[in-house]
Amino acid sequence: MNSCHLDYKVEDELGYRFYRANNSSYGNPRYVIHFLAFHSDYDEALKLAKTLKFKRYTGSDFGGGFVCESYNLENTAERIIKLRGEL
């Protein structure tokens, strides 16, 4: 998978990188990020990720990740940062 580039400030604050996955069946771009971007506990991270419409990534090339469809990756990263700040 190829990593995606964000604005350096957003990427530094997020602390994790997004990786490009295959498009959805409708042709929408999909991105994968490690669960630690949300929380250190996987089950808790999954609950938080689902509030932002992320799903569990089941591909064999990336372990412990969540996937989302996004046309604005900067906004998606900022929403993760905001969610972590509310904890």
N, C-alpha and C. Protein backbone atom coordinates (compact mmCIF):
# COMPACT_ATOMS: atom_id res chain seq x y z
N MET A 1 0.83 -1.18 0.00
CA MET A 1 0.00 0.00 0.00
C MET A 1 0.88 1.24 0.00
N ASN A 2 0.38 2.27 -0.63
CA ASN A 2 1.10 3.53 -0.68
C ASN A 2 0.59 4.47 0.41
N SER A 3 1.52 5.15 1.07
CA SER A 3 1.09 6.10 2.09
C SER A 3 0.62 7.38 1.43
N CYS A 4 -0.29 8.07 2.10
CA CYS A 4 -0.87 9.30 1.59
C CYS A 4 -0.28 10.48 2.35
N HIS A 5 -0.14 11.58 1.67
CA HIS A 5 0.46 12.75 2.27
C HIS A 5 -0.61 13.73 2.72
N LEU A 6 -0.46 14.20 3.94
CA LEU A 6 -1.33 15.22 4.50
C LEU A 6 -0.51 16.49 4.71
N ASP A 7 -1.18 17.55 5.05
CA ASP A 7 -0.50 18.77 5.47
C ASP A 7 0.40 18.40 6.65
N TYR A 8 1.61 18.92 6.69
CA TYR A 8 2.57 18.49 7.72
C TYR A 8 2.07 18.74 9.14
N LYS A 9 1.33 19.82 9.36
CA LYS A 9 0.82 20.09 10.71
C LYS A 9 -0.21 19.05 11.13
N VAL A 10 -1.10 18.71 10.22
CA VAL A 10 -2.14 17.72 10.51
C VAL A 10 -1.51 16.35 10.71
N GLU A 11 -0.55 16.00 9.87
CA GLU A 11 0.10 14.69 9.98
C GLU A 11 0.88 14.57 11.28
N ASP A 12 1.56 15.64 11.70
CA ASP A 12 2.30 15.61 12.97
C ASP A 12 1.35 15.46 14.15
N GLU A 13 0.24 16.18 14.11
CA GLU A 13 -0.71 16.11 15.21
C GLU A 13 -1.41 14.75 15.26
N LEU A 14 -1.71 14.19 14.10
CA LEU A 14 -2.35 12.87 14.04
C LEU A 14 -1.38 11.78 14.50
N GLY A 15 -0.15 11.83 14.03
CA GLY A 15 0.87 10.88 14.45
C GLY A 15 0.87 9.57 13.70
N TYR A 16 -0.04 9.37 12.80
CA TYR A 16 -0.14 8.14 12.01
C TYR A 16 -0.43 8.50 10.57
N ARG A 17 -0.11 7.59 9.66
CA ARG A 17 -0.30 7.85 8.24
C ARG A 17 -1.49 7.07 7.70
N PHE A 18 -2.13 7.65 6.71
CA PHE A 18 -3.16 6.96 5.96
C PHE A 18 -2.50 6.23 4.80
N TYR A 19 -3.06 5.10 4.43
CA TYR A 19 -2.58 4.33 3.29
C TYR A 19 -3.73 4.10 2.33
N ARG A 20 -3.43 4.20 1.05
CA ARG A 20 -4.45 4.05 0.02
C ARG A 20 -4.79 2.59 -0.15
N ALA A 21 -6.09 2.29 -0.14
CA ALA A 21 -6.59 0.93 -0.39
C ALA A 21 -7.32 0.95 -1.74
N ASN A 22 -7.73 -0.21 -2.18
CA ASN A 22 -8.50 -0.28 -3.42
C ASN A 22 -9.80 0.50 -3.27
N ASN A 23 -10.30 1.03 -4.38
CA ASN A 23 -11.56 1.75 -4.36
C ASN A 23 -12.70 0.84 -3.92
N SER A 24 -13.76 1.46 -3.42
CA SER A 24 -14.96 0.70 -3.05
C SER A 24 -15.63 0.19 -4.31
N SER A 25 -16.64 -0.63 -4.14
CA SER A 25 -17.36 -1.17 -5.29
C SER A 25 -18.07 -0.07 -6.08
N TYR A 26 -18.25 1.10 -5.48
CA TYR A 26 -18.88 2.23 -6.16
C TYR A 26 -17.84 3.18 -6.75
N GLY A 27 -16.57 2.86 -6.60
CA GLY A 27 -15.51 3.68 -7.16
C GLY A 27 -15.01 4.78 -6.24
N ASN A 28 -15.46 4.81 -4.99
CA ASN A 28 -15.02 5.84 -4.05
C ASN A 28 -13.64 5.50 -3.49
N PRO A 29 -12.80 6.51 -3.28
CA PRO A 29 -11.46 6.25 -2.72
C PRO A 29 -11.54 5.80 -1.27
N ARG A 30 -10.71 4.80 -0.92
CA ARG A 30 -10.68 4.28 0.45
C ARG A 30 -9.29 4.40 1.01
N TYR A 31 -9.23 4.64 2.33
CA TYR A 31 -7.96 4.81 3.03
C TYR A 31 -7.97 4.00 4.31
N VAL A 32 -6.79 3.48 4.67
CA VAL A 32 -6.63 2.66 5.87
C VAL A 32 -5.70 3.40 6.82
N ILE A 33 -6.00 3.31 8.12
CA ILE A 33 -5.15 3.88 9.15
C ILE A 33 -5.08 2.89 10.32
N HIS A 34 -3.98 2.88 11.03
CA HIS A 34 -3.79 1.96 12.14
C HIS A 34 -4.73 2.32 13.30
N PHE A 35 -5.16 1.31 14.05
CA PHE A 35 -6.11 1.55 15.14
C PHE A 35 -5.55 2.43 16.24
N LEU A 36 -4.23 2.48 16.39
CA LEU A 36 -3.62 3.31 17.44
C LEU A 36 -3.85 4.80 17.21
N ALA A 37 -4.26 5.18 16.03
CA ALA A 37 -4.58 6.58 15.77
C ALA A 37 -5.81 7.01 16.56
N PHE A 38 -6.62 6.05 16.99
CA PHE A 38 -7.83 6.34 17.74
C PHE A 38 -7.66 6.14 19.24
N HIS A 39 -7.10 4.98 19.62
CA HIS A 39 -6.99 4.63 21.04
C HIS A 39 -6.01 3.46 21.16
N SER A 40 -5.41 3.29 22.34
CA SER A 40 -4.44 2.21 22.52
C SER A 40 -5.09 0.84 22.69
N ASP A 41 -6.36 0.80 23.08
CA ASP A 41 -7.10 -0.46 23.21
C ASP A 41 -7.91 -0.68 21.93
N TYR A 42 -7.76 -1.85 21.31
CA TYR A 42 -8.41 -2.09 20.01
C TYR A 42 -9.92 -1.97 20.08
N ASP A 43 -10.55 -2.57 21.10
CA ASP A 43 -12.01 -2.54 21.19
C ASP A 43 -12.52 -1.11 21.38
N GLU A 44 -11.82 -0.35 22.19
CA GLU A 44 -12.20 1.06 22.39
C GLU A 44 -11.97 1.86 21.12
N ALA A 45 -10.87 1.57 20.43
CA ALA A 45 -10.58 2.26 19.17
C ALA A 45 -11.65 1.96 18.13
N LEU A 46 -12.13 0.72 18.10
CA LEU A 46 -13.17 0.35 17.14
C LEU A 46 -14.47 1.12 17.41
N LYS A 47 -14.82 1.27 18.67
CA LYS A 47 -16.02 2.05 19.02
C LYS A 47 -15.89 3.49 18.55
N LEU A 48 -14.72 4.09 18.79
CA LEU A 48 -14.49 5.46 18.37
C LEU A 48 -14.49 5.59 16.85
N ALA A 49 -13.85 4.64 16.19
CA ALA A 49 -13.77 4.69 14.73
C ALA A 49 -15.15 4.56 14.09
N LYS A 50 -15.99 3.75 14.67
CA LYS A 50 -17.33 3.58 14.11
C LYS A 50 -18.16 4.85 14.22
N THR A 51 -17.87 5.70 15.20
CA THR A 51 -18.60 6.97 15.29
C THR A 51 -18.26 7.88 14.10
N LEU A 52 -17.10 7.65 13.48
CA LEU A 52 -16.70 8.43 12.30
C LEU A 52 -16.91 7.65 11.00
N LYS A 53 -17.69 6.57 11.08
CA LYS A 53 -18.04 5.75 9.91
C LYS A 53 -16.88 4.95 9.34
N PHE A 54 -15.87 4.66 10.17
CA PHE A 54 -14.80 3.75 9.77
C PHE A 54 -15.28 2.32 9.96
N LYS A 55 -14.67 1.41 9.22
CA LYS A 55 -14.98 -0.01 9.36
C LYS A 55 -13.67 -0.76 9.60
N ARG A 56 -13.79 -1.96 10.12
CA ARG A 56 -12.63 -2.82 10.35
C ARG A 56 -12.05 -3.22 8.98
N TYR A 57 -10.74 -3.07 8.82
CA TYR A 57 -10.09 -3.47 7.56
C TYR A 57 -9.65 -4.91 7.68
N THR A 58 -10.10 -5.75 6.76
CA THR A 58 -9.83 -7.19 6.85
C THR A 58 -8.81 -7.66 5.82
N GLY A 59 -8.20 -6.76 5.09
CA GLY A 59 -7.19 -7.16 4.11
C GLY A 59 -5.97 -7.74 4.80
N SER A 60 -5.30 -8.66 4.13
CA SER A 60 -4.16 -9.34 4.73
C SER A 60 -2.88 -8.50 4.69
N ASP A 61 -2.89 -7.39 3.96
CA ASP A 61 -1.67 -6.60 3.82
C ASP A 61 -1.54 -5.49 4.86
N PHE A 62 -2.50 -5.39 5.80
CA PHE A 62 -2.43 -4.34 6.82
C PHE A 62 -3.14 -4.87 8.05
N GLY A 63 -2.41 -5.09 9.13
CA GLY A 63 -3.01 -5.65 10.33
C GLY A 63 -3.46 -4.58 11.31
N GLY A 64 -4.63 -4.76 11.89
CA GLY A 64 -5.12 -3.86 12.92
C GLY A 64 -5.48 -2.48 12.43
N GLY A 65 -6.12 -2.40 11.28
CA GLY A 65 -6.46 -1.10 10.74
C GLY A 65 -7.94 -0.90 10.55
N PHE A 66 -8.29 0.36 10.33
CA PHE A 66 -9.66 0.74 10.03
C PHE A 66 -9.67 1.43 8.67
N VAL A 67 -10.75 1.26 7.94
CA VAL A 67 -10.85 1.79 6.59
C VAL A 67 -12.04 2.75 6.51
N CYS A 68 -11.87 3.77 5.67
CA CYS A 68 -12.96 4.72 5.44
C CYS A 68 -12.93 5.15 3.98
N GLU A 69 -14.06 5.66 3.53
CA GLU A 69 -14.14 6.29 2.22
C GLU A 69 -14.05 7.78 2.44
N SER A 70 -13.21 8.45 1.65
CA SER A 70 -13.05 9.88 1.86
C SER A 70 -12.58 10.56 0.59
N TYR A 71 -13.20 11.69 0.28
CA TYR A 71 -12.73 12.56 -0.78
C TYR A 71 -11.94 13.73 -0.21
N ASN A 72 -11.96 13.90 1.12
CA ASN A 72 -11.24 14.98 1.78
C ASN A 72 -10.49 14.39 2.97
N LEU A 73 -9.31 13.89 2.72
CA LEU A 73 -8.53 13.19 3.74
C LEU A 73 -8.09 14.12 4.87
N GLU A 74 -7.82 15.37 4.55
CA GLU A 74 -7.45 16.34 5.58
C GLU A 74 -8.57 16.47 6.62
N ASN A 75 -9.79 16.58 6.14
CA ASN A 75 -10.95 16.71 7.03
C ASN A 75 -11.11 15.45 7.88
N THR A 76 -10.93 14.30 7.29
CA THR A 76 -11.04 13.04 8.02
C THR A 76 -10.00 12.98 9.13
N ALA A 77 -8.77 13.38 8.83
CA ALA A 77 -7.71 13.38 9.85
C ALA A 77 -8.04 14.37 10.97
N GLU A 78 -8.56 15.53 10.63
CA GLU A 78 -8.92 16.52 11.64
C GLU A 78 -10.05 16.02 12.53
N ARG A 79 -10.98 15.26 11.98
CA ARG A 79 -12.07 14.69 12.77
C ARG A 79 -11.54 13.67 13.77
N ILE A 80 -10.53 12.89 13.38
CA ILE A 80 -9.91 11.93 14.30
C ILE A 80 -9.22 12.68 15.44
N ILE A 81 -8.50 13.72 15.10
CA ILE A 81 -7.81 14.53 16.11
C ILE A 81 -8.80 15.14 17.08
N LYS A 82 -9.89 15.67 16.56
CA LYS A 82 -10.93 16.27 17.42
C LYS A 82 -11.55 15.22 18.33
N LEU A 83 -11.81 14.03 17.80
CA LEU A 83 -12.40 12.95 18.60
C LEU A 83 -11.46 12.54 19.72
N ARG A 84 -10.17 12.44 19.44
CA ARG A 84 -9.21 12.09 20.50
C ARG A 84 -9.14 13.18 21.56
N GLY A 85 -9.31 14.43 21.17
CA GLY A 85 -9.26 15.53 22.11
C GLY A 85 -10.45 15.54 23.06
N GLU A 86 -11.55 14.91 22.66
CA GLU A 86 -12.75 14.87 23.50
C GLU A 86 -12.68 13.79 24.56
N LEU A 87 -11.70 12.92 24.49
CA LEU A 87 -11.58 11.81 25.46
C LEU A 87 -11.18 12.31 26.83
